[in-house]
PDB file of N, CA and C in Angstrom:
ATOM      1  N   UNK A   1       3.716 -17.394  -0.064  1.00  0.00           N
ATOM      2  CA  UNK A   1       3.034 -15.925   0.496  1.00  0.00           C
ATOM      3  C   UNK A   1       2.911 -15.026  -0.570  1.00  0.00           C
ATOM      4  N   UNK A   2       1.728 -14.186  -1.185  1.00  0.00           N
ATOM      5  CA  UNK A   2       1.856 -13.206  -1.659  1.00  0.00           C
ATOM      6  C   UNK A   2       2.687 -12.173  -1.611  1.00  0.00           C
ATOM      7  N   UNK A   3       2.968 -11.140  -2.797  1.00  0.00           N
ATOM      8  CA  UNK A   3       3.915 -10.155  -2.982  1.00  0.00           C
ATOM      9  C   UNK A   3       3.444  -9.333  -1.919  1.00  0.00           C
ATOM     10  N   UNK A   4       1.871  -9.150  -2.041  1.00  0.00           N
ATOM     11  CA  UNK A   4       0.886  -8.006  -1.272  1.00  0.00           C
ATOM     12  C   UNK A   4       1.196  -8.536  -0.193  1.00  0.00           C
ATOM     13  N   UNK A   5       0.704  -9.787   0.110  1.00  0.00           N
ATOM     14  CA  UNK A   5       0.713 -10.129   1.681  1.00  0.00           C
ATOM     15  C   UNK A   5       2.437  -9.826   2.620  1.00  0.00           C
ATOM     16  N   UNK A   6       3.481  -9.722   1.954  1.00  0.00           N
ATOM     17  CA  UNK A   6       4.412  -9.563   1.820  1.00  0.00           C
ATOM     18  C   UNK A   6       4.742  -8.111   2.579  1.00  0.00           C
ATOM     19  N   UNK A   7       3.846  -7.404   1.286  1.00  0.00           N
ATOM     20  CA  UNK A   7       4.411  -5.057   2.005  1.00  0.00           C
ATOM     21  C   UNK A   7       3.376  -5.790   3.134  1.00  0.00           C
ATOM     22  N   UNK A   8       2.177  -6.061   3.370  1.00  0.00           N
ATOM     23  CA  UNK A   8       1.227  -5.417   4.159  1.00  0.00           C
ATOM     24  C   UNK A   8       1.673  -6.016   5.268  1.00  0.00           C
ATOM     25  N   UNK A   9       2.327  -6.867   5.686  1.00  0.00           N
ATOM     26  CA  UNK A   9       2.939  -7.625   6.632  1.00  0.00           C
ATOM     27  C   UNK A   9       4.227  -7.009   7.499  1.00  0.00           C
ATOM     28  N   UNK A  10       5.085  -6.029   6.790  1.00  0.00           N
ATOM     29  CA  UNK A  10       6.293  -5.822   6.694  1.00  0.00           C
ATOM     30  C   UNK A  10       5.579  -3.921   7.212  1.00  0.00           C
ATOM     31  N   UNK A  11       4.472  -3.100   6.334  1.00  0.00           N
ATOM     32  CA  UNK A  11       3.804  -2.158   7.011  1.00  0.00           C
ATOM     33  C   UNK A  11       3.386  -2.270   8.442  1.00  0.00           C
ATOM     34  N   UNK A  12       2.682  -3.423   8.476  1.00  0.00           N
ATOM     35  CA  UNK A  12       1.981  -3.545   9.902  1.00  0.00           C
ATOM     36  C   UNK A  12       3.059  -3.645  11.136  1.00  0.00           C
ATOM     37  N   UNK A  13       4.166  -4.605  10.555  1.00  0.00           N
ATOM     38  CA  UNK A  13       5.710  -4.711  11.526  1.00  0.00           C
ATOM     39  C   UNK A  13       5.970  -2.953  11.746  1.00  0.00           C
ATOM     40  N   UNK A  14       6.396  -2.526  10.990  1.00  0.00           N
ATOM     41  CA  UNK A  14       6.630  -0.858  10.558  1.00  0.00           C
ATOM     42  C   UNK A  14       6.001  -0.125  11.509  1.00  0.00           C
ATOM     43  N   UNK A  15       4.721  -0.582  11.898  1.00  0.00           N
ATOM     44  CA  UNK A  15       3.748   0.193  12.868  1.00  0.00           C
ATOM     45  C   UNK A  15       2.871   1.682  11.855  1.00  0.00           C
ATOM     46  N   UNK A  16       2.787   0.648  10.414  1.00  0.00           N
ATOM     47  CA  UNK A  16       2.041   0.925   9.946  1.00  0.00           C
ATOM     48  C   UNK A  16       0.789   0.535   9.864  1.00  0.00           C
ATOM     49  N   UNK A  17      -0.789   1.229  10.082  1.00  0.00           N
ATOM     50  CA  UNK A  17      -1.825   1.134   9.607  1.00  0.00           C
ATOM     51  C   UNK A  17      -2.084   0.680   7.937  1.00  0.00           C
ATOM     52  N   UNK A  18      -2.557   0.007   7.372  1.00  0.00           N
ATOM     53  CA  UNK A  18      -3.008   0.043   5.859  1.00  0.00           C
ATOM     54  C   UNK A  18      -4.464  -0.710   5.675  1.00  0.00           C
ATOM     55  N   UNK A  19      -4.819  -0.293   4.460  1.00  0.00           N
ATOM     56  CA  UNK A  19      -6.064  -0.446   3.824  1.00  0.00           C
ATOM     57  C   UNK A  19      -5.927  -0.893   2.295  1.00  0.00           C
ATOM     58  N   UNK A  20      -6.928  -1.812   1.291  1.00  0.00           N
ATOM     59  CA  UNK A  20      -6.567  -1.897   0.169  1.00  0.00           C
ATOM     60  C   UNK A  20      -8.630  -2.106   0.061  1.00  0.00           C
ATOM     61  N   UNK A  21      -9.053  -1.624  -1.585  1.00  0.00           N
ATOM     62  CA  UNK A  21      -9.997  -1.995  -1.747  1.00  0.00           C
ATOM     63  C   UNK A  21      -9.720  -1.533  -3.279  1.00  0.00           C
ATOM     64  N   UNK A  22     -11.149  -2.238  -4.124  1.00  0.00           N
ATOM     65  CA  UNK A  22     -11.248  -2.547  -5.164  1.00  0.00           C
ATOM     66  C   UNK A  22     -12.586  -1.647  -5.686  1.00  0.00           C
ATOM     67  N   UNK A  23     -12.583  -0.509  -6.881  1.00  0.00           N
ATOM     68  CA  UNK A  23     -13.609  -0.195  -7.196  1.00  0.00           C
ATOM     69  C   UNK A  23     -13.610   0.002  -8.442  1.00  0.00           C
ATOM     70  N   UNK A  24     -14.625  -0.022  -9.211  1.00  0.00           N
ATOM     71  CA  UNK A  24     -15.164   0.510 -10.817  1.00  0.00           C
ATOM     72  C   UNK A  24     -14.591   2.025 -11.085  1.00  0.00           C
ATOM     73  N   UNK A  25     -13.767   2.443 -11.980  1.00  0.00           N
ATOM     74  CA  UNK A  25     -13.918   3.609 -12.763  1.00  0.00           C
ATOM     75  C   UNK A  25     -14.869   3.878 -13.488  1.00  0.00           C
ATOM     76  N   UNK A  26     -14.902   4.538 -13.761  1.00  0.00           N
ATOM     77  CA  UNK A  26     -16.248   5.095 -14.756  1.00  0.00           C
ATOM     78  C   UNK A  26     -16.022   4.916 -16.431  1.00  0.00           C
ATOM     79  N   UNK A  27     -15.015   3.906 -16.100  1.00  0.00           N
ATOM     80  CA  UNK A  27     -15.156   3.009 -18.268  1.00  0.00           C
ATOM     81  C   UNK A  27     -15.033   1.683 -17.692  1.00  0.00           C
ATOM     82  N   UNK A  28     -15.693   1.660 -16.584  1.00  0.00           N
ATOM     83  CA  UNK A  28     -15.544  -0.007 -15.903  1.00  0.00           C
ATOM     84  C   UNK A  28     -14.755  -0.557 -15.504  1.00  0.00           C
ATOM     85  N   UNK A  29     -13.825  -0.491 -15.295  1.00  0.00           N
ATOM     86  CA  UNK A  29     -12.452  -1.033 -15.174  1.00  0.00           C
ATOM     87  C   UNK A  29     -12.073  -0.934 -13.553  1.00  0.00           C
ATOM     88  N   UNK A  30     -11.686  -2.825 -13.105  1.00  0.00           N
ATOM     89  CA  UNK A  30     -11.248  -2.052 -11.956  1.00  0.00           C
ATOM     90  C   UNK A  30      -9.696  -1.687 -11.460  1.00  0.00           C
ATOM     91  N   UNK A  31     -10.155  -0.476 -10.608  1.00  0.00           N
ATOM     92  CA  UNK A  31      -8.621  -0.483  -9.853  1.00  0.00           C
ATOM     93  C   UNK A  31      -8.492  -1.085  -8.060  1.00  0.00           C
ATOM     94  N   UNK A  32      -7.722  -0.731  -8.184  1.00  0.00           N
ATOM     95  CA  UNK A  32      -7.032  -1.493  -7.008  1.00  0.00           C
ATOM     96  C   UNK A  32      -7.038   0.045  -5.891  1.00  0.00           C
ATOM     97  N   UNK A  33      -6.842   0.352  -5.204  1.00  0.00           N
ATOM     98  CA  UNK A  33      -6.482   1.712  -3.807  1.00  0.00           C
ATOM     99  C   UNK A  33      -6.074   1.448  -2.646  1.00  0.00           C
ATOM    100  N   UNK A  34      -5.141   1.377  -2.497  1.00  0.00           N
ATOM    101  CA  UNK A  34      -4.298   0.930  -1.432  1.00  0.00           C
ATOM    102  C   UNK A  34      -3.686   2.375  -0.717  1.00  0.00           C
ATOM    103  N   UNK A  35      -4.067   2.482   1.149  1.00  0.00           N
ATOM    104  CA  UNK A  35      -3.093   3.303   1.722  1.00  0.00           C
ATOM    105  C   UNK A  35      -2.488   3.149   2.867  1.00  0.00           C
ATOM    106  N   UNK A  36      -1.710   3.678   3.666  1.00  0.00           N
ATOM    107  CA  UNK A  36      -1.232   3.266   4.963  1.00  0.00           C
ATOM    108  C   UNK A  36      -0.969   4.632   5.653  1.00  0.00           C
ATOM    109  N   UNK A  37      -1.603   4.404   7.084  1.00  0.00           N
ATOM    110  CA  UNK A  37      -1.315   5.721   7.514  1.00  0.00           C
ATOM    111  C   UNK A  37      -0.202   5.320   8.824  1.00  0.00           C
ATOM    112  N   UNK A  38       0.079   6.388  10.140  1.00  0.00           N
ATOM    113  CA  UNK A  38       0.635   5.984  11.038  1.00  0.00           C
ATOM    114  C   UNK A  38       0.455   7.268  11.980  1.00  0.00           C
ATOM    115  N   UNK A  39       0.187   7.102  13.273  1.00  0.00           N
ATOM    116  CA  UNK A  39       0.043   7.884  14.322  1.00  0.00           C
ATOM    117  C   UNK A  39       0.780   9.293  14.566  1.00  0.00           C
ATOM    118  N   UNK A  40       2.019   9.586  12.861  1.00  0.00           N
ATOM    119  CA  UNK A  40       2.916  10.945  13.097  1.00  0.00           C
ATOM    120  C   UNK A  40       1.975  11.800  11.913  1.00  0.00           C
ATOM    121  N   UNK A  41       0.839  11.318  11.645  1.00  0.00           N
ATOM    122  CA  UNK A  41       0.452  12.114  10.173  1.00  0.00           C
ATOM    123  C   UNK A  41       0.644  11.800   8.750  1.00  0.00           C
ATOM    124  N   UNK A  42       1.446  10.530   8.826  1.00  0.00           N
ATOM    125  CA  UNK A  42       2.154  10.397   7.615  1.00  0.00           C
ATOM    126  C   UNK A  42       0.728   9.716   7.102  1.00  0.00           C
ATOM    127  N   UNK A  43       0.371   9.921   5.830  1.00  0.00           N
ATOM    128  CA  UNK A  43      -0.229   9.161   4.883  1.00  0.00           C
ATOM    129  C   UNK A  43      -0.021   8.856   3.731  1.00  0.00           C
ATOM    130  N   UNK A  44      -0.035   8.090   2.527  1.00  0.00           N
ATOM    131  CA  UNK A  44       0.198   7.559   1.409  1.00  0.00           C
ATOM    132  C   UNK A  44      -1.418   6.878   0.958  1.00  0.00           C
ATOM    133  N   UNK A  45      -1.570   7.632  -0.403  1.00  0.00           N
ATOM    134  CA  UNK A  45      -2.695   6.593  -0.968  1.00  0.00           C
ATOM    135  C   UNK A  45      -2.078   6.451  -2.449  1.00  0.00           C
ATOM    136  N   UNK A  46      -2.424   5.412  -3.138  1.00  0.00           N
ATOM    137  CA  UNK A  46      -2.073   4.831  -4.314  1.00  0.00           C
ATOM    138  C   UNK A  46      -3.441   4.276  -5.200  1.00  0.00           C
ATOM    139  N   UNK A  47      -3.161   4.284  -6.312  1.00  0.00           N
ATOM    140  CA  UNK A  47      -3.797   3.477  -6.725  1.00  0.00           C
ATOM    141  C   UNK A  47      -3.149   2.721  -8.182  1.00  0.00           C
ATOM    142  N   UNK A  48      -3.765   2.210  -8.605  1.00  0.00           N
ATOM    143  CA  UNK A  48      -2.902   1.013  -9.774  1.00  0.00           C
ATOM    144  C   UNK A  48      -4.104   0.310 -10.230  1.00  0.00           C
ATOM    145  N   UNK A  49      -3.637  -0.248 -11.627  1.00  0.00           N
ATOM    146  CA  UNK A  49      -4.856  -1.711 -12.236  1.00  0.00           C
ATOM    147  C   UNK A  49      -4.999  -2.706 -11.367  1.00  0.00           C
ATOM    148  N   UNK A  50      -3.727  -3.395 -11.291  1.00  0.00           N
ATOM    149  CA  UNK A  50      -3.375  -4.764 -10.214  1.00  0.00           C
ATOM    150  C   UNK A  50      -3.440  -4.191  -8.872  1.00  0.00           C
ATOM    151  N   UNK A  51      -4.125  -5.665  -8.014  1.00  0.00           N
ATOM    152  CA  UNK A  51      -3.342  -5.387  -6.712  1.00  0.00           C
ATOM    153  C   UNK A  51      -1.921  -5.335  -6.345  1.00  0.00           C
ATOM    154  N   UNK A  52      -0.996  -6.253  -7.004  1.00  0.00           N
ATOM    155  CA  UNK A  52       0.453  -6.104  -6.662  1.00  0.00           C
ATOM    156  C   UNK A  52       1.114  -4.389  -7.022  1.00  0.00           C
ATOM    157  N   UNK A  53       0.502  -4.488  -8.105  1.00  0.00           N
ATOM    158  CA  UNK A  53       1.256  -3.282  -8.166  1.00  0.00           C
ATOM    159  C   UNK A  53       0.736  -2.172  -7.515  1.00  0.00           C
ATOM    160  N   UNK A  54      -0.249  -1.850  -6.739  1.00  0.00           N
ATOM    161  CA  UNK A  54      -0.853  -0.746  -5.643  1.00  0.00           C
ATOM    162  C   UNK A  54       0.017  -1.271  -4.607  1.00  0.00           C
ATOM    163  N   UNK A  55       0.658  -2.057  -3.884  1.00  0.00           N
ATOM    164  CA  UNK A  55       1.227  -2.379  -3.030  1.00  0.00           C
ATOM    165  C   UNK A  55       2.886  -1.924  -3.105  1.00  0.00           C
ATOM    166  N   UNK A  56       3.181  -2.516  -4.245  1.00  0.00           N
ATOM    167  CA  UNK A  56       4.659  -1.649  -5.232  1.00  0.00           C
ATOM    168  C   UNK A  56       4.838  -0.547  -4.957  1.00  0.00           C
ATOM    169  N   UNK A  57       3.935   0.000  -5.344  1.00  0.00           N
ATOM    170  CA  UNK A  57       4.008   1.355  -5.199  1.00  0.00           C
ATOM    171  C   UNK A  57       3.936   1.904  -3.696  1.00  0.00           C
ATOM    172  N   UNK A  58       2.588   1.683  -2.833  1.00  0.00           N
ATOM    173  CA  UNK A  58       2.634   1.994  -1.516  1.00  0.00           C
ATOM    174  C   UNK A  58       3.740   2.010  -0.984  1.00  0.00           C
ATOM    175  N   UNK A  59       4.621   0.596  -1.244  1.00  0.00           N
ATOM    176  CA  UNK A  59       5.741   0.429  -0.666  1.00  0.00           C
ATOM    177  C   UNK A  59       6.736   1.351  -0.922  1.00  0.00           C
ATOM    178  N   UNK A  60       7.076   1.512  -2.274  1.00  0.00           N
ATOM    179  CA  UNK A  60       8.066   2.816  -3.055  1.00  0.00           C
ATOM    180  C   UNK A  60       7.998   4.249  -1.805  1.00  0.00           C
ATOM    181  N   UNK A  61       6.345   3.958  -1.776  1.00  0.00           N
ATOM    182  CA  UNK A  61       5.916   5.282  -0.930  1.00  0.00           C
ATOM    183  C   UNK A  61       6.631   5.644   0.467  1.00  0.00           C
ATOM    184  N   UNK A  62       6.185   4.493   1.072  1.00  0.00           N
ATOM    185  CA  UNK A  62       6.212   4.020   2.076  1.00  0.00           C
ATOM    186  C   UNK A  62       8.005   4.732   2.466  1.00  0.00           C
ATOM    187  N   UNK A  63       8.462   3.529   1.600  1.00  0.00           N
ATOM    188  CA  UNK A  63      10.059   2.957   2.589  1.00  0.00           C
ATOM    189  C   UNK A  63      10.864   3.975   2.987  1.00  0.00           C
ATOM    190  N   UNK A  64      10.947   5.678   2.695  1.00  0.00           N
ATOM    191  CA  UNK A  64      11.922   6.678   3.130  1.00  0.00           C
ATOM    192  C   UNK A  64      12.074   7.162   4.079  1.00  0.00           C
ATOM    193  N   UNK A  65      10.031   6.890   4.701  1.00  0.00           N
ATOM    194  CA  UNK A  65       9.631   7.299   5.875  1.00  0.00           C
ATOM    195  C   UNK A  65       9.853   5.932   7.085  1.00  0.00           C
ATOM    196  N   UNK A  66      10.060   4.981   6.524  1.00  0.00           N
ATOM    197  CA  UNK A  66       9.955   3.916   7.882  1.00  0.00           C
ATOM    198  C   UNK A  66      12.070   3.814   8.517  1.00  0.00           C
ATOM    199  N   UNK A  67      11.387   3.158   9.647  1.00  0.00           N
ATOM    200  CA  UNK A  67      12.383   3.307  10.576  1.00  0.00           C
ATOM    201  C   UNK A  67      13.347   2.353  10.018  1.00  0.00           C
ATOM    202  N   UNK A  68      12.990   0.859   9.307  1.00  0.00           N
ATOM    203  CA  UNK A  68      13.946  -0.026   8.893  1.00  0.00           C
ATOM    204  C   UNK A  68      13.636  -0.281   7.201  1.00  0.00           C
ATOM    205  N   UNK A  69      14.226  -0.245   5.842  1.00  0.00           N
ATOM    206  CA  UNK A  69      14.016  -0.821   5.130  1.00  0.00           C
ATOM    207  C   UNK A  69      13.418  -2.054   4.941  1.00  0.00           C
ATOM    208  N   UNK A  70      12.193  -2.158   3.822  1.00  0.00           N
ATOM    209  CA  UNK A  70      11.646  -3.265   3.567  1.00  0.00           C
ATOM    210  C   UNK A  70      12.716  -4.202   3.382  1.00  0.00           C
ATOM    211  N   UNK A  71      13.344  -3.853   2.058  1.00  0.00           N
ATOM    212  CA  UNK A  71      14.513  -5.000   1.591  1.00  0.00           C
ATOM    213  C   UNK A  71      14.878  -6.062   2.634  1.00  0.00           C
TER     214      UNK A  71
END
């Protein structure tokens, strides 16, 4: 299992809905945008140059608001 898949699985198990897309910025570089949200109004959106990095940043942002630790 890839790192980002593990984070996505943990988000789902923790009651978060999540998504990820890639886009091309104005300089022609690929960027990755990942988000997580849940019914209580918590929403996190991050972007990074690589998909695993985007999920690592998303995990870091969401973890303090999760009932259980991802680790």
